[in-house]
Every structure is written in structure tokens, then in C-alpha cells.
Amino acid sequence: MGQPLGMTDIETLERHLVNDLRTVADRLDDERTARDLYRAIATRALKPHEGDGHLALSRKRAEDLLTAAGFKSADGVADSGGEGEVSDRARELLNEIGWASDPENTSRNDPMHDSSPKDPPPASRPPSEPPEWERTAHEEAEQNLRRHS
């Protein structure tokens, strides 16, 4: 079912992976399948049978792509454990859609490693006065300390 790939950029590979995973999601959207596929694609090197390149997905990105492919059962699966384990079932499903999951080479920086898009940093909060209840509590605590000293 996998489509031949000529381009090897991350976006192209991700788009093809999502499209290929949709064919499985239509038939098998259950917790076990979503979990098995998540484990088989998170922190692994995913290679299409035809074409060039590979993907190395972070845990969160693996969840994002499964969700984008229609696996409603994949919501919240990131960091659930077992990342990198490939069950026979997951291997068969990936093979069926034209992909292989190989161990990721962690001894070097992989330019094809894809994480979720960077979240913007939280807005810095200006210093503010503590709420009235907190000021009152501190004043009472200081008064009690002075009385007992």
C-alpha cells in the first residue's frame, strides 16, 4: 500500500506515513493497535520500503502522527512506556502499509529526528503583590512569633 517516495524531507515522509497509517486506522482503531504502533514508531528509524530517507520520531511526534492518521485511541499514549518495542503485530501492520521500523542510531545527531513543533515559551509574568489572604496570614504568623518570643 505504501507509495514510492522520491523526496526525503521530513514533511513529505510524515505525510506519506500518515496517509499509509490511515488505511490501518480505518480498520483497527483500538487501544492495543494504537499502543503497539506507537511503540513501534516512537524513538525508532522508520523507513519506507520504496524511496529514500527515514523518519526518527520523538515520543510526542509519534502520538501526533497516529492521531492525525485517525487513531483516536492514540490520544495520550506518548510516554506511556515500551517505546522502541516492536511487536509482531506492529511489524506486520507496518510492513503491510510499506514501512519498516529499525533501531534508531543514537550515536549521532540525526537530522531526520522529528519532534513536535516547538511550543512558544510561557509568557513571563510581571512580579505581583501577593493576594490579601497571603499578606494577612504572614502578618498573623509574625505576630504569633513575636508573642511567643
Protein backbone atom coordinates (compact mmCIF):
# COMPACT_ATOMS: atom_id res chain seq x y z
CA MET A 1 0.00 0.00 0.00
CA GLY A 2 2.90 2.37 0.62
CA GLN A 3 3.58 4.90 -2.09
CA PRO A 4 7.01 5.31 -3.71
CA LEU A 5 8.85 8.29 -2.30
CA GLY A 6 11.27 10.38 -4.28
CA MET A 7 11.76 13.17 -1.78
CA THR A 8 13.27 12.57 1.63
CA ASP A 9 12.32 15.64 3.63
CA ILE A 10 10.58 15.18 6.94
CA GLU A 11 7.27 16.74 5.92
CA THR A 12 6.98 14.54 2.83
CA LEU A 13 7.82 11.37 4.75
CA GLU A 14 5.42 12.29 7.56
CA ARG A 15 2.61 12.98 5.10
CA HIS A 16 3.13 9.60 3.44
CA LEU A 17 3.34 7.80 6.79
CA VAL A 18 0.10 9.43 7.99
CA ASN A 19 -1.67 8.57 4.72
CA ASP A 20 -0.48 4.96 4.92
CA LEU A 21 -1.43 4.67 8.61
CA ARG A 22 -4.95 5.87 7.76
CA THR A 23 -5.56 2.62 5.90
CA VAL A 24 -4.92 0.74 9.14
CA ALA A 25 -6.80 3.21 11.37
CA ASP A 26 -9.93 2.77 9.30
CA ARG A 27 -9.96 -0.94 10.20
CA LEU A 28 -8.17 -1.20 13.53
CA ASP A 29 -8.65 1.83 15.77
CA ASP A 30 -8.42 0.14 19.14
CA GLU A 31 -6.17 0.70 22.17
CA ARG A 32 -3.97 -2.33 21.52
CA THR A 33 -3.25 -1.42 17.89
CA ALA A 34 -2.61 2.24 18.72
CA ARG A 35 -0.28 1.27 21.59
CA ASP A 36 1.61 -1.31 19.51
CA LEU A 37 2.06 1.08 16.59
CA TYR A 38 3.09 3.91 18.93
CA ARG A 39 5.79 1.74 20.50
CA ALA A 40 6.99 0.65 17.05
CA ILE A 41 7.34 4.16 15.65
CA ALA A 42 8.43 6.19 18.69
CA THR A 43 12.21 6.53 19.01
CA ARG A 44 12.78 4.22 16.03
CA ALA A 45 14.00 4.77 12.46
CA LEU A 46 11.02 4.42 10.12
CA LYS A 47 11.89 3.64 6.53
CA PRO A 48 9.56 3.35 3.56
CA HIS A 49 10.04 0.15 1.57
CA GLU A 50 10.19 2.24 -1.58
CA GLY A 51 12.03 5.53 -1.84
CA ASP A 52 14.67 7.27 0.20
CA GLY A 53 15.11 8.51 3.69
CA HIS A 54 13.76 7.70 7.09
CA LEU A 55 11.96 9.31 9.99
CA ALA A 56 13.09 9.28 13.61
CA LEU A 57 10.06 10.39 15.59
CA SER A 58 10.04 11.65 19.14
CA ARG A 59 7.50 10.14 21.50
CA LYS A 60 5.15 13.10 21.26
CA ARG A 61 5.51 13.33 17.48
CA ALA A 62 4.69 9.62 17.14
CA GLU A 63 1.47 10.21 19.09
CA ASP A 64 0.69 13.29 16.98
CA LEU A 65 1.04 11.36 13.71
CA LEU A 66 -1.07 8.43 14.90
CA THR A 67 -3.77 10.88 15.97
CA ALA A 68 -3.53 12.68 12.61
CA ALA A 69 -3.95 9.31 10.87
CA GLY A 70 -7.25 8.76 12.68
CA PHE A 71 -6.24 6.68 15.69
CA LYS A 72 -8.49 8.22 18.32
CA SER A 73 -7.16 5.57 20.73
CA ALA A 74 -3.66 7.09 20.42
CA ASP A 75 -4.58 10.25 22.30
CA GLY A 76 -2.39 10.43 25.42
CA VAL A 77 -0.19 7.47 24.52
CA ALA A 78 3.09 9.48 24.45
CA ASP A 79 5.48 8.45 27.22
CA SER A 80 3.23 5.53 28.21
CA GLY A 81 6.15 3.11 28.16
CA GLY A 82 7.52 0.46 25.87
CA GLU A 83 8.79 2.98 23.32
CA GLY A 84 11.00 1.26 20.78
CA GLU A 85 9.45 -2.19 21.28
CA VAL A 86 8.13 -3.72 18.07
CA SER A 87 5.52 -6.42 18.50
CA ASP A 88 4.95 -8.94 15.73
CA ARG A 89 1.55 -7.36 15.12
CA ALA A 90 3.01 -3.85 14.73
CA ARG A 91 5.77 -5.16 12.44
CA GLU A 92 3.15 -6.88 10.25
CA LEU A 93 0.95 -3.78 10.10
CA LEU A 94 3.87 -1.51 9.20
CA ASN A 95 5.04 -4.00 6.58
CA GLU A 96 1.50 -4.12 5.18
CA ILE A 97 1.50 -0.35 4.63
CA GLY A 98 5.03 -0.30 3.23
CA TRP A 99 7.17 0.77 6.18
CA ALA A 100 9.88 -0.80 8.35
CA SER A 101 10.79 0.09 11.92
CA ASP A 102 14.50 -0.25 12.68
CA PRO A 103 16.51 0.68 15.77
CA GLU A 104 17.43 4.35 15.77
CA ASN A 105 21.14 5.16 15.65
CA THR A 106 21.56 7.28 18.77
CA SER A 107 25.35 7.57 18.45
CA ARG A 108 24.99 10.60 16.18
CA ASN A 109 22.77 13.61 15.65
CA ASP A 110 20.06 12.58 13.21
CA PRO A 111 18.80 15.46 11.04
CA MET A 112 15.66 13.42 10.32
CA HIS A 113 14.71 13.27 14.01
CA ASP A 114 11.40 15.00 14.32
CA SER A 115 9.88 16.32 17.48
CA SER A 116 6.65 18.15 17.95
CA PRO A 117 6.78 21.75 16.82
CA LYS A 118 8.36 23.92 19.47
CA ASP A 119 5.92 25.42 21.90
CA PRO A 120 6.44 29.12 22.48
CA PRO A 121 7.97 29.91 25.86
CA PRO A 122 5.47 30.79 28.55
CA ALA A 123 4.82 34.48 28.86
CA SER A 124 6.87 35.96 31.63
CA ARG A 125 4.74 37.20 34.44
CA PRO A 126 5.48 40.56 35.97
CA PRO A 127 6.10 40.44 39.70
CA SER A 128 2.85 40.96 41.51
CA GLU A 129 1.72 41.62 45.03
CA PRO A 130 0.67 38.52 46.96
CA PRO A 131 -3.08 38.17 47.46
CA GLU A 132 -4.68 39.72 50.52
CA TRP A 133 -5.15 36.36 52.30
CA GLU A 134 -1.43 35.61 51.96
CA ARG A 135 -0.37 39.00 53.34
CA THR A 136 -2.78 38.59 56.26
CA ALA A 137 -1.51 35.08 57.00
CA HIS A 138 2.12 36.29 57.06
CA GLU A 139 1.23 39.21 59.35
CA GLU A 140 -0.59 36.89 61.78
CA ALA A 141 2.31 34.41 61.76
CA GLU A 142 4.79 37.20 62.56
CA GLN A 143 2.57 38.48 65.40
CA ASN A 144 2.37 34.95 66.88
CA LEU A 145 6.16 34.60 66.68
CA ARG A 146 6.68 37.93 68.48
CA ARG A 147 4.21 36.94 71.21
CA HIS A 148 5.97 33.64 71.87
CA SER A 149 9.48 35.11 71.78
